[in-house]
């Protein structure tokens, strides 16, 4: 009898984890289930099938003025080593 109990516990440990069963997708759910993409709605649906966009719900991006910015937006995948006076001074001091 104890051997059957031990094998039953071993079989239970070999089963799928319960956390993977908690994940609900549209394939495992009823036909009417719609999961979406975790996006916030920007408006609401009307009774006649239209959609009204609410300006307060739209994202507002504040971009600073970058006219005199020294850095470039592109970063090379193969950077070359640049020797500067600051790096050479630090090397001499240490």
PDB file of N, CA and C in Angstrom:
ATOM      1  N   UNK A   1       0.795  -1.194   0.000  1.00  0.00           N
ATOM      2  CA  UNK A   1       0.000   0.000   0.000  1.00  0.00           C
ATOM      3  C   UNK A   1       0.852   1.279   0.000  1.00  0.00           C
ATOM      4  N   UNK A   2       1.903   1.380   0.811  1.00  0.00           N
ATOM      5  CA  UNK A   2       2.694   2.605   0.783  1.00  0.00           C
ATOM      6  C   UNK A   2       3.375   2.825  -0.565  1.00  0.00           C
ATOM      7  N   UNK A   3       3.685   1.737  -1.287  1.00  0.00           N
ATOM      8  CA  UNK A   3       4.326   1.887  -2.593  1.00  0.00           C
ATOM      9  C   UNK A   3       3.381   2.567  -3.582  1.00  0.00           C
ATOM     10  N   UNK A   4       2.086   2.231  -3.528  1.00  0.00           N
ATOM     11  CA  UNK A   4       1.089   2.870  -4.383  1.00  0.00           C
ATOM     12  C   UNK A   4       0.937   4.344  -4.063  1.00  0.00           C
ATOM     13  N   UNK A   5       1.053   4.681  -2.803  1.00  0.00           N
ATOM     14  CA  UNK A   5       0.957   6.076  -2.385  1.00  0.00           C
ATOM     15  C   UNK A   5       2.139   6.873  -2.920  1.00  0.00           C
ATOM     16  N   UNK A   6       3.315   6.278  -2.872  1.00  0.00           N
ATOM     17  CA  UNK A   6       4.529   6.958  -3.353  1.00  0.00           C
ATOM     18  C   UNK A   6       4.474   7.145  -4.866  1.00  0.00           C
ATOM     19  N   UNK A   7       4.020   6.128  -5.601  1.00  0.00           N
ATOM     20  CA  UNK A   7       3.925   6.271  -7.061  1.00  0.00           C
ATOM     21  C   UNK A   7       2.863   7.295  -7.433  1.00  0.00           C
ATOM     22  N   UNK A   8       1.784   7.388  -6.658  1.00  0.00           N
ATOM     23  CA  UNK A   8       0.757   8.398  -6.930  1.00  0.00           C
ATOM     24  C   UNK A   8       1.284   9.808  -6.740  1.00  0.00           C
ATOM     25  N   UNK A   9       2.092   9.996  -5.726  1.00  0.00           N
ATOM     26  CA  UNK A   9       2.701  11.312  -5.486  1.00  0.00           C
ATOM     27  C   UNK A   9       3.686  11.643  -6.601  1.00  0.00           C
ATOM     28  N   UNK A  10       4.435  10.631  -7.062  1.00  0.00           N
ATOM     29  CA  UNK A  10       5.391  10.859  -8.147  1.00  0.00           C
ATOM     30  C   UNK A  10       4.672  11.235  -9.432  1.00  0.00           C
ATOM     31  N   UNK A  11       3.533  10.589  -9.721  1.00  0.00           N
ATOM     32  CA  UNK A  11       2.764  10.928 -10.915  1.00  0.00           C
ATOM     33  C   UNK A  11       2.224  12.351 -10.825  1.00  0.00           C
ATOM     34  N   UNK A  12       1.794  12.764  -9.664  1.00  0.00           N
ATOM     35  CA  UNK A  12       1.272  14.122  -9.487  1.00  0.00           C
ATOM     36  C   UNK A  12       2.363  15.161  -9.708  1.00  0.00           C
ATOM     37  N   UNK A  13       3.585  14.839  -9.347  1.00  0.00           N
ATOM     38  CA  UNK A  13       4.693  15.783  -9.543  1.00  0.00           C
ATOM     39  C   UNK A  13       5.057  15.902 -11.014  1.00  0.00           C
ATOM     40  N   UNK A  14       4.808  14.831 -11.800  1.00  0.00           N
ATOM     41  CA  UNK A  14       5.162  14.844 -13.216  1.00  0.00           C
ATOM     42  C   UNK A  14       4.137  15.566 -14.070  1.00  0.00           C
ATOM     43  N   UNK A  15       2.979  15.882 -13.533  1.00  0.00           N
ATOM     44  CA  UNK A  15       1.948  16.561 -14.303  1.00  0.00           C
ATOM     45  C   UNK A  15       2.364  17.986 -14.625  1.00  0.00           C
ATOM     46  N   UNK A  16       1.579  18.621 -15.518  1.00  0.00           N
ATOM     47  CA  UNK A  16       1.851  20.012 -15.850  1.00  0.00           C
ATOM     48  C   UNK A  16       1.674  20.887 -14.619  1.00  0.00           C
ATOM     49  N   UNK A  17       2.360  21.974 -14.600  1.00  0.00           N
ATOM     50  CA  UNK A  17       2.215  22.913 -13.492  1.00  0.00           C
ATOM     51  C   UNK A  17       0.849  23.568 -13.569  1.00  0.00           C
ATOM     52  N   UNK A  18       0.303  23.897 -12.439  1.00  0.00           N
ATOM     53  CA  UNK A  18      -1.022  24.517 -12.422  1.00  0.00           C
ATOM     54  C   UNK A  18      -0.975  25.944 -12.952  1.00  0.00           C
ATOM     55  N   UNK A  19       0.190  26.593 -12.904  1.00  0.00           N
ATOM     56  CA  UNK A  19       0.263  27.967 -13.390  1.00  0.00           C
ATOM     57  C   UNK A  19       0.074  28.012 -14.898  1.00  0.00           C
ATOM     58  N   UNK A  20       0.513  26.979 -15.634  1.00  0.00           N
ATOM     59  CA  UNK A  20       0.321  26.982 -17.075  1.00  0.00           C
ATOM     60  C   UNK A  20      -1.138  26.739 -17.429  1.00  0.00           C
ATOM     61  N   UNK A  21      -1.899  26.103 -16.541  1.00  0.00           N
ATOM     62  CA  UNK A  21      -3.316  25.892 -16.797  1.00  0.00           C
ATOM     63  C   UNK A  21      -4.126  27.145 -16.521  1.00  0.00           C
ATOM     64  N   UNK A  22      -3.594  28.062 -15.737  1.00  0.00           N
ATOM     65  CA  UNK A  22      -4.307  29.297 -15.425  1.00  0.00           C
ATOM     66  C   UNK A  22      -4.273  30.296 -16.575  1.00  0.00           C
ATOM     67  N   UNK A  23      -3.355  30.116 -17.528  1.00  0.00           N
ATOM     68  CA  UNK A  23      -3.242  31.049 -18.645  1.00  0.00           C
ATOM     69  C   UNK A  23      -4.436  30.828 -19.572  1.00  0.00           C
ATOM     70  N   UNK A  24      -5.244  31.843 -19.753  1.00  0.00           N
ATOM     71  CA  UNK A  24      -6.436  31.722 -20.582  1.00  0.00           C
ATOM     72  C   UNK A  24      -6.191  32.418 -21.908  1.00  0.00           C
ATOM     73  N   UNK A  25      -6.293  31.678 -22.982  1.00  0.00           N
ATOM     74  CA  UNK A  25      -6.149  32.250 -24.307  1.00  0.00           C
ATOM     75  C   UNK A  25      -7.463  32.099 -25.048  1.00  0.00           C
ATOM     76  N   UNK A  26      -7.545  32.679 -26.222  1.00  0.00           N
ATOM     77  CA  UNK A  26      -8.781  32.587 -26.986  1.00  0.00           C
ATOM     78  C   UNK A  26      -9.021  31.175 -27.507  1.00  0.00           C
ATOM     79  N   UNK A  27      -7.977  30.344 -27.549  1.00  0.00           N
ATOM     80  CA  UNK A  27      -8.161  28.961 -27.997  1.00  0.00           C
ATOM     81  C   UNK A  27      -8.729  28.090 -26.890  1.00  0.00           C
ATOM     82  N   UNK A  28      -8.447  28.404 -25.629  1.00  0.00           N
ATOM     83  CA  UNK A  28      -8.938  27.603 -24.514  1.00  0.00           C
ATOM     84  C   UNK A  28     -10.257  28.128 -23.958  1.00  0.00           C
ATOM     85  N   UNK A  29     -10.684  29.293 -24.381  1.00  0.00           N
ATOM     86  CA  UNK A  29     -11.863  29.938 -23.807  1.00  0.00           C
ATOM     87  C   UNK A  29     -13.086  29.713 -24.695  1.00  0.00           C
ATOM     88  N   UNK A  30     -14.257  30.146 -24.227  1.00  0.00           N
ATOM     89  CA  UNK A  30     -15.457  30.046 -25.064  1.00  0.00           C
ATOM     90  C   UNK A  30     -15.361  30.899 -26.323  1.00  0.00           C
ATOM     91  N   UNK A  31     -16.295  30.695 -27.228  1.00  0.00           N
ATOM     92  CA  UNK A  31     -16.251  31.368 -28.523  1.00  0.00           C
ATOM     93  C   UNK A  31     -16.362  32.888 -28.409  1.00  0.00           C
ATOM     94  N   UNK A  32     -17.037  33.366 -27.395  1.00  0.00           N
ATOM     95  CA  UNK A  32     -17.271  34.805 -27.262  1.00  0.00           C
ATOM     96  C   UNK A  32     -16.140  35.518 -26.524  1.00  0.00           C
ATOM     97  N   UNK A  33     -15.117  34.815 -26.096  1.00  0.00           N
ATOM     98  CA  UNK A  33     -14.036  35.421 -25.314  1.00  0.00           C
ATOM     99  C   UNK A  33     -13.082  36.170 -26.229  1.00  0.00           C
ATOM    100  N   UNK A  34     -12.769  37.420 -25.896  1.00  0.00           N
ATOM    101  CA  UNK A  34     -11.814  38.230 -26.648  1.00  0.00           C
ATOM    102  C   UNK A  34     -10.810  38.801 -25.659  1.00  0.00           C
ATOM    103  N   UNK A  35      -9.572  38.387 -25.780  1.00  0.00           N
ATOM    104  CA  UNK A  35      -8.557  38.792 -24.815  1.00  0.00           C
ATOM    105  C   UNK A  35      -8.015  40.183 -25.108  1.00  0.00           C
ATOM    106  N   UNK A  36      -7.780  40.498 -26.349  1.00  0.00           N
ATOM    107  CA  UNK A  36      -7.227  41.798 -26.703  1.00  0.00           C
ATOM    108  C   UNK A  36      -5.716  41.808 -26.562  1.00  0.00           C
ATOM    109  N   UNK A  37      -5.122  42.961 -26.738  1.00  0.00           N
ATOM    110  CA  UNK A  37      -3.667  43.117 -26.683  1.00  0.00           C
ATOM    111  C   UNK A  37      -3.222  44.014 -25.544  1.00  0.00           C
ATOM    112  N   UNK A  38      -4.024  44.138 -24.502  1.00  0.00           N
ATOM    113  CA  UNK A  38      -3.698  44.934 -23.321  1.00  0.00           C
ATOM    114  C   UNK A  38      -3.526  46.416 -23.659  1.00  0.00           C
ATOM    115  N   UNK A  39      -4.360  46.919 -24.551  1.00  0.00           N
ATOM    116  CA  UNK A  39      -4.320  48.328 -24.932  1.00  0.00           C
ATOM    117  C   UNK A  39      -5.457  49.082 -24.244  1.00  0.00           C
ATOM    118  N   UNK A  40      -5.207  50.326 -23.974  1.00  0.00           N
ATOM    119  CA  UNK A  40      -6.231  51.172 -23.363  1.00  0.00           C
ATOM    120  C   UNK A  40      -7.138  51.724 -24.465  1.00  0.00           C
ATOM    121  N   UNK A  41      -8.440  51.751 -24.248  1.00  0.00           N
ATOM    122  CA  UNK A  41      -9.327  52.310 -25.278  1.00  0.00           C
ATOM    123  C   UNK A  41      -9.167  53.827 -25.347  1.00  0.00           C
ATOM    124  N   UNK A  42      -9.264  54.360 -26.562  1.00  0.00           N
ATOM    125  CA  UNK A  42      -9.124  55.806 -26.748  1.00  0.00           C
ATOM    126  C   UNK A  42     -10.467  56.487 -26.924  1.00  0.00           C
ATOM    127  N   UNK A  43     -11.540  55.737 -26.776  1.00  0.00           N
ATOM    128  CA  UNK A  43     -12.866  56.316 -26.938  1.00  0.00           C
ATOM    129  C   UNK A  43     -13.927  55.322 -26.516  1.00  0.00           C
ATOM    130  N   UNK A  44     -15.108  55.428 -27.175  1.00  0.00           N
ATOM    131  CA  UNK A  44     -16.196  54.505 -26.851  1.00  0.00           C
ATOM    132  C   UNK A  44     -17.034  54.250 -28.093  1.00  0.00           C
ATOM    133  N   UNK A  45     -17.772  53.139 -28.079  1.00  0.00           N
ATOM    134  CA  UNK A  45     -18.655  52.770 -29.181  1.00  0.00           C
ATOM    135  C   UNK A  45     -20.022  53.400 -28.966  1.00  0.00           C
ATOM    136  N   UNK A  46     -20.637  53.854 -30.067  1.00  0.00           N
ATOM    137  CA  UNK A  46     -21.972  54.427 -29.988  1.00  0.00           C
ATOM    138  C   UNK A  46     -23.013  53.335 -30.209  1.00  0.00           C
ATOM    139  N   UNK A  47     -24.268  53.666 -29.993  1.00  0.00           N
ATOM    140  CA  UNK A  47     -25.347  52.684 -30.171  1.00  0.00           C
ATOM    141  C   UNK A  47     -25.529  52.304 -31.633  1.00  0.00           C
ATOM    142  N   UNK A  48     -25.175  53.210 -32.544  1.00  0.00           N
ATOM    143  CA  UNK A  48     -25.376  52.943 -33.972  1.00  0.00           C
ATOM    144  C   UNK A  48     -24.163  52.293 -34.625  1.00  0.00           C
ATOM    145  N   UNK A  49     -23.170  51.905 -33.846  1.00  0.00           N
ATOM    146  CA  UNK A  49     -22.019  51.205 -34.408  1.00  0.00           C
ATOM    147  C   UNK A  49     -20.825  52.084 -34.705  1.00  0.00           C
ATOM    148  N   UNK A  50     -20.897  53.341 -34.371  1.00  0.00           N
ATOM    149  CA  UNK A  50     -19.771  54.240 -34.602  1.00  0.00           C
ATOM    150  C   UNK A  50     -18.792  54.205 -33.435  1.00  0.00           C
ATOM    151  N   UNK A  51     -17.740  54.982 -33.565  1.00  0.00           N
ATOM    152  CA  UNK A  51     -16.733  55.056 -32.512  1.00  0.00           C
ATOM    153  C   UNK A  51     -16.354  56.512 -32.318  1.00  0.00           C
ATOM    154  N   UNK A  52     -16.402  56.974 -31.085  1.00  0.00           N
ATOM    155  CA  UNK A  52     -16.084  58.362 -30.764  1.00  0.00           C
ATOM    156  C   UNK A  52     -14.750  58.379 -30.027  1.00  0.00           C
ATOM    157  N   UNK A  53     -13.778  59.121 -30.562  1.00  0.00           N
ATOM    158  CA  UNK A  53     -12.461  59.244 -29.942  1.00  0.00           C
ATOM    159  C   UNK A  53     -12.497  60.397 -28.942  1.00  0.00           C
ATOM    160  N   UNK A  54     -12.073  60.115 -27.729  1.00  0.00           N
ATOM    161  CA  UNK A  54     -12.018  61.130 -26.675  1.00  0.00           C
ATOM    162  C   UNK A  54     -10.589  61.678 -26.636  1.00  0.00           C
ATOM    163  N   UNK A  55     -10.390  62.979 -26.890  1.00  0.00           N
ATOM    164  CA  UNK A  55      -9.027  63.540 -26.942  1.00  0.00           C
ATOM    165  C   UNK A  55      -8.263  63.410 -25.632  1.00  0.00           C
ATOM    166  N   UNK A  56      -8.955  63.380 -24.499  1.00  0.00           N
ATOM    167  CA  UNK A  56      -8.272  63.251 -23.209  1.00  0.00           C
ATOM    168  C   UNK A  56      -7.635  61.877 -23.036  1.00  0.00           C
ATOM    169  N   UNK A  57      -8.136  60.881 -23.763  1.00  0.00           N
ATOM    170  CA  UNK A  57      -7.601  59.524 -23.643  1.00  0.00           C
ATOM    171  C   UNK A  57      -6.449  59.248 -24.610  1.00  0.00           C
ATOM    172  N   UNK A  58      -6.196  60.149 -25.541  1.00  0.00           N
ATOM    173  CA  UNK A  58      -5.092  59.966 -26.489  1.00  0.00           C
ATOM    174  C   UNK A  58      -3.759  60.228 -25.793  1.00  0.00           C
ATOM    175  N   UNK A  59      -2.712  59.492 -26.152  1.00  0.00           N
ATOM    176  CA  UNK A  59      -1.411  59.741 -25.520  1.00  0.00           C
ATOM    177  C   UNK A  59      -0.832  61.082 -25.962  1.00  0.00           C
ATOM    178  N   UNK A  60      -0.196  61.773 -25.022  1.00  0.00           N
ATOM    179  CA  UNK A  60       0.399  63.081 -25.292  1.00  0.00           C
ATOM    180  C   UNK A  60       1.902  62.954 -25.062  1.00  0.00           C
ATOM    181  N   UNK A  61       2.675  63.023 -26.140  1.00  0.00           N
ATOM    182  CA  UNK A  61       4.126  62.877 -26.043  1.00  0.00           C
ATOM    183  C   UNK A  61       4.776  64.252 -26.032  1.00  0.00           C
ATOM    184  N   UNK A  62       5.608  64.502 -25.018  1.00  0.00           N
ATOM    185  CA  UNK A  62       6.325  65.764 -24.910  1.00  0.00           C
ATOM    186  C   UNK A  62       7.766  65.501 -25.339  1.00  0.00           C
ATOM    187  N   UNK A  63       8.172  66.085 -26.475  1.00  0.00           N
ATOM    188  CA  UNK A  63       9.507  65.877 -27.029  1.00  0.00           C
ATOM    189  C   UNK A  63      10.313  67.154 -26.847  1.00  0.00           C
ATOM    190  N   UNK A  64      11.499  67.070 -26.249  1.00  0.00           N
ATOM    191  CA  UNK A  64      12.305  68.288 -26.067  1.00  0.00           C
ATOM    192  C   UNK A  64      12.907  68.756 -27.390  1.00  0.00           C
ATOM    193  N   UNK A  65      13.339  70.009 -27.401  1.00  0.00           N
ATOM    194  CA  UNK A  65      13.982  70.572 -28.591  1.00  0.00           C
ATOM    195  C   UNK A  65      15.403  70.025 -28.701  1.00  0.00           C
ATOM    196  N   UNK A  66      15.720  69.362 -29.807  1.00  0.00           N
ATOM    197  CA  UNK A  66      17.022  68.719 -29.988  1.00  0.00           C
ATOM    198  C   UNK A  66      17.831  69.365 -31.110  1.00  0.00           C
ATOM    199  N   UNK A  67      17.681  70.679 -31.314  1.00  0.00           N
ATOM    200  CA  UNK A  67      18.386  71.318 -32.425  1.00  0.00           C
ATOM    201  C   UNK A  67      19.897  71.365 -32.195  1.00  0.00           C
ATOM    202  N   UNK A  68      20.359  71.679 -30.982  1.00  0.00           N
ATOM    203  CA  UNK A  68      21.803  71.770 -30.714  1.00  0.00           C
ATOM    204  C   UNK A  68      22.311  70.548 -29.949  1.00  0.00           C
ATOM    205  N   UNK A  69      21.687  69.418 -30.140  1.00  0.00           N
ATOM    206  CA  UNK A  69      22.084  68.206 -29.441  1.00  0.00           C
ATOM    207  C   UNK A  69      23.278  67.584 -30.138  1.00  0.00           C
ATOM    208  N   UNK A  70      24.314  67.183 -29.368  1.00  0.00           N
ATOM    209  CA  UNK A  70      25.564  66.717 -29.962  1.00  0.00           C
ATOM    210  C   UNK A  70      25.496  65.271 -30.460  1.00  0.00           C
ATOM    211  N   UNK A  71      24.739  64.425 -29.799  1.00  0.00           N
ATOM    212  CA  UNK A  71      24.710  63.013 -30.168  1.00  0.00           C
ATOM    213  C   UNK A  71      23.834  62.766 -31.384  1.00  0.00           C
ATOM    214  N   UNK A  72      24.170  61.733 -32.139  1.00  0.00           N
ATOM    215  CA  UNK A  72      23.419  61.342 -33.324  1.00  0.00           C
ATOM    216  C   UNK A  72      22.441  60.225 -32.943  1.00  0.00           C
ATOM    217  N   UNK A  73      21.368  60.046 -33.691  1.00  0.00           N
ATOM    218  CA  UNK A  73      20.411  58.997 -33.349  1.00  0.00           C
ATOM    219  C   UNK A  73      20.883  57.595 -33.725  1.00  0.00           C
ATOM    220  N   UNK A  74      21.871  57.472 -34.591  1.00  0.00           N
ATOM    221  CA  UNK A  74      22.326  56.164 -35.048  1.00  0.00           C
ATOM    222  C   UNK A  74      23.532  55.706 -34.238  1.00  0.00           C
ATOM    223  N   UNK A  75      23.535  54.454 -33.819  1.00  0.00           N
ATOM    224  CA  UNK A  75      24.677  53.858 -33.138  1.00  0.00           C
ATOM    225  C   UNK A  75      25.175  52.717 -33.997  1.00  0.00           C
ATOM    226  N   UNK A  76      26.426  52.743 -34.361  1.00  0.00           N
ATOM    227  CA  UNK A  76      26.991  51.730 -35.241  1.00  0.00           C
ATOM    228  C   UNK A  76      27.124  50.399 -34.521  1.00  0.00           C
ATOM    229  N   UNK A  77      26.959  49.305 -35.275  1.00  0.00           N
ATOM    230  CA  UNK A  77      27.141  47.977 -34.696  1.00  0.00           C
ATOM    231  C   UNK A  77      28.623  47.629 -34.586  1.00  0.00           C
ATOM    232  N   UNK A  78      29.450  48.302 -35.353  1.00  0.00           N
ATOM    233  CA  UNK A  78      30.894  48.064 -35.319  1.00  0.00           C
ATOM    234  C   UNK A  78      31.589  49.363 -34.920  1.00  0.00           C
ATOM    235  N   UNK A  79      31.590  49.716 -33.647  1.00  0.00           N
ATOM    236  CA  UNK A  79      32.186  50.993 -33.246  1.00  0.00           C
ATOM    237  C   UNK A  79      33.709  50.939 -33.335  1.00  0.00           C
ATOM    238  N   UNK A  80      34.291  52.063 -33.671  1.00  0.00           N
ATOM    239  CA  UNK A  80      35.749  52.178 -33.704  1.00  0.00           C
ATOM    240  C   UNK A  80      36.209  52.833 -32.420  1.00  0.00           C
ATOM    241  N   UNK A  81      37.416  52.525 -32.009  1.00  0.00           N
ATOM    242  CA  UNK A  81      37.934  53.086 -30.770  1.00  0.00           C
ATOM    243  C   UNK A  81      38.402  54.511 -31.037  1.00  0.00           C
ATOM    244  N   UNK A  82      37.896  55.435 -30.247  1.00  0.00           N
ATOM    245  CA  UNK A  82      38.224  56.844 -30.397  1.00  0.00           C
ATOM    246  C   UNK A  82      39.073  57.251 -29.205  1.00  0.00           C
ATOM    247  N   UNK A  83      40.234  57.824 -29.474  1.00  0.00           N
ATOM    248  CA  UNK A  83      41.115  58.277 -28.406  1.00  0.00           C
ATOM    249  C   UNK A  83      40.849  59.751 -28.143  1.00  0.00           C
ATOM    250  N   UNK A  84      40.550  60.053 -26.903  1.00  0.00           N
ATOM    251  CA  UNK A  84      40.294  61.437 -26.521  1.00  0.00           C
ATOM    252  C   UNK A  84      41.351  61.881 -25.525  1.00  0.00           C
ATOM    253  N   UNK A  85      41.437  63.164 -25.310  1.00  0.00           N
ATOM    254  CA  UNK A  85      42.417  63.692 -24.361  1.00  0.00           C
ATOM    255  C   UNK A  85      42.018  63.355 -22.926  1.00  0.00           C
ATOM    256  N   UNK A  86      40.720  63.287 -22.642  1.00  0.00           N
ATOM    257  CA  UNK A  86      40.281  62.957 -21.290  1.00  0.00           C
ATOM    258  C   UNK A  86      40.661  61.539 -20.913  1.00  0.00           C
ATOM    259  N   UNK A  87      40.505  60.608 -21.850  1.00  0.00           N
ATOM    260  CA  UNK A  87      40.838  59.216 -21.576  1.00  0.00           C
ATOM    261  C   UNK A  87      42.336  59.043 -21.397  1.00  0.00           C
ATOM    262  N   UNK A  88      43.117  59.783 -22.182  1.00  0.00           N
ATOM    263  CA  UNK A  88      44.576  59.658 -22.066  1.00  0.00           C
ATOM    264  C   UNK A  88      45.081  60.273 -20.738  1.00  0.00           C
ATOM    265  N   UNK A  89      44.440  61.349 -20.282  1.00  0.00           N
ATOM    266  CA  UNK A  89      44.817  61.960 -19.014  1.00  0.00           C
ATOM    267  C   UNK A  89      44.489  61.032 -17.839  1.00  0.00           C
ATOM    268  N   UNK A  90      43.337  60.366 -17.901  1.00  0.00           N
ATOM    269  CA  UNK A  90      42.965  59.425 -16.851  1.00  0.00           C
ATOM    270  C   UNK A  90      43.920  58.240 -16.814  1.00  0.00           C
ATOM    271  N   UNK A  91      44.380  57.802 -17.975  1.00  0.00           N
ATOM    272  CA  UNK A  91      45.305  56.673 -18.024  1.00  0.00           C
ATOM    273  C   UNK A  91      46.668  57.046 -17.440  1.00  0.00           C
ATOM    274  N   UNK A  92      47.079  58.295 -17.664  1.00  0.00           N
ATOM    275  CA  UNK A  92      48.378  58.747 -17.139  1.00  0.00           C
ATOM    276  C   UNK A  92      48.326  58.878 -15.615  1.00  0.00           C
ATOM    277  N   UNK A  93      47.191  59.310 -15.067  1.00  0.00           N
ATOM    278  CA  UNK A  93      47.073  59.514 -13.636  1.00  0.00           C
ATOM    279  C   UNK A  93      47.042  58.202 -12.861  1.00  0.00           C
ATOM    280  N   UNK A  94      46.489  57.150 -13.446  1.00  0.00           N
ATOM    281  CA  UNK A  94      46.379  55.885 -12.706  1.00  0.00           C
ATOM    282  C   UNK A  94      47.554  54.969 -12.935  1.00  0.00           C
TER     283      UNK A  94
END
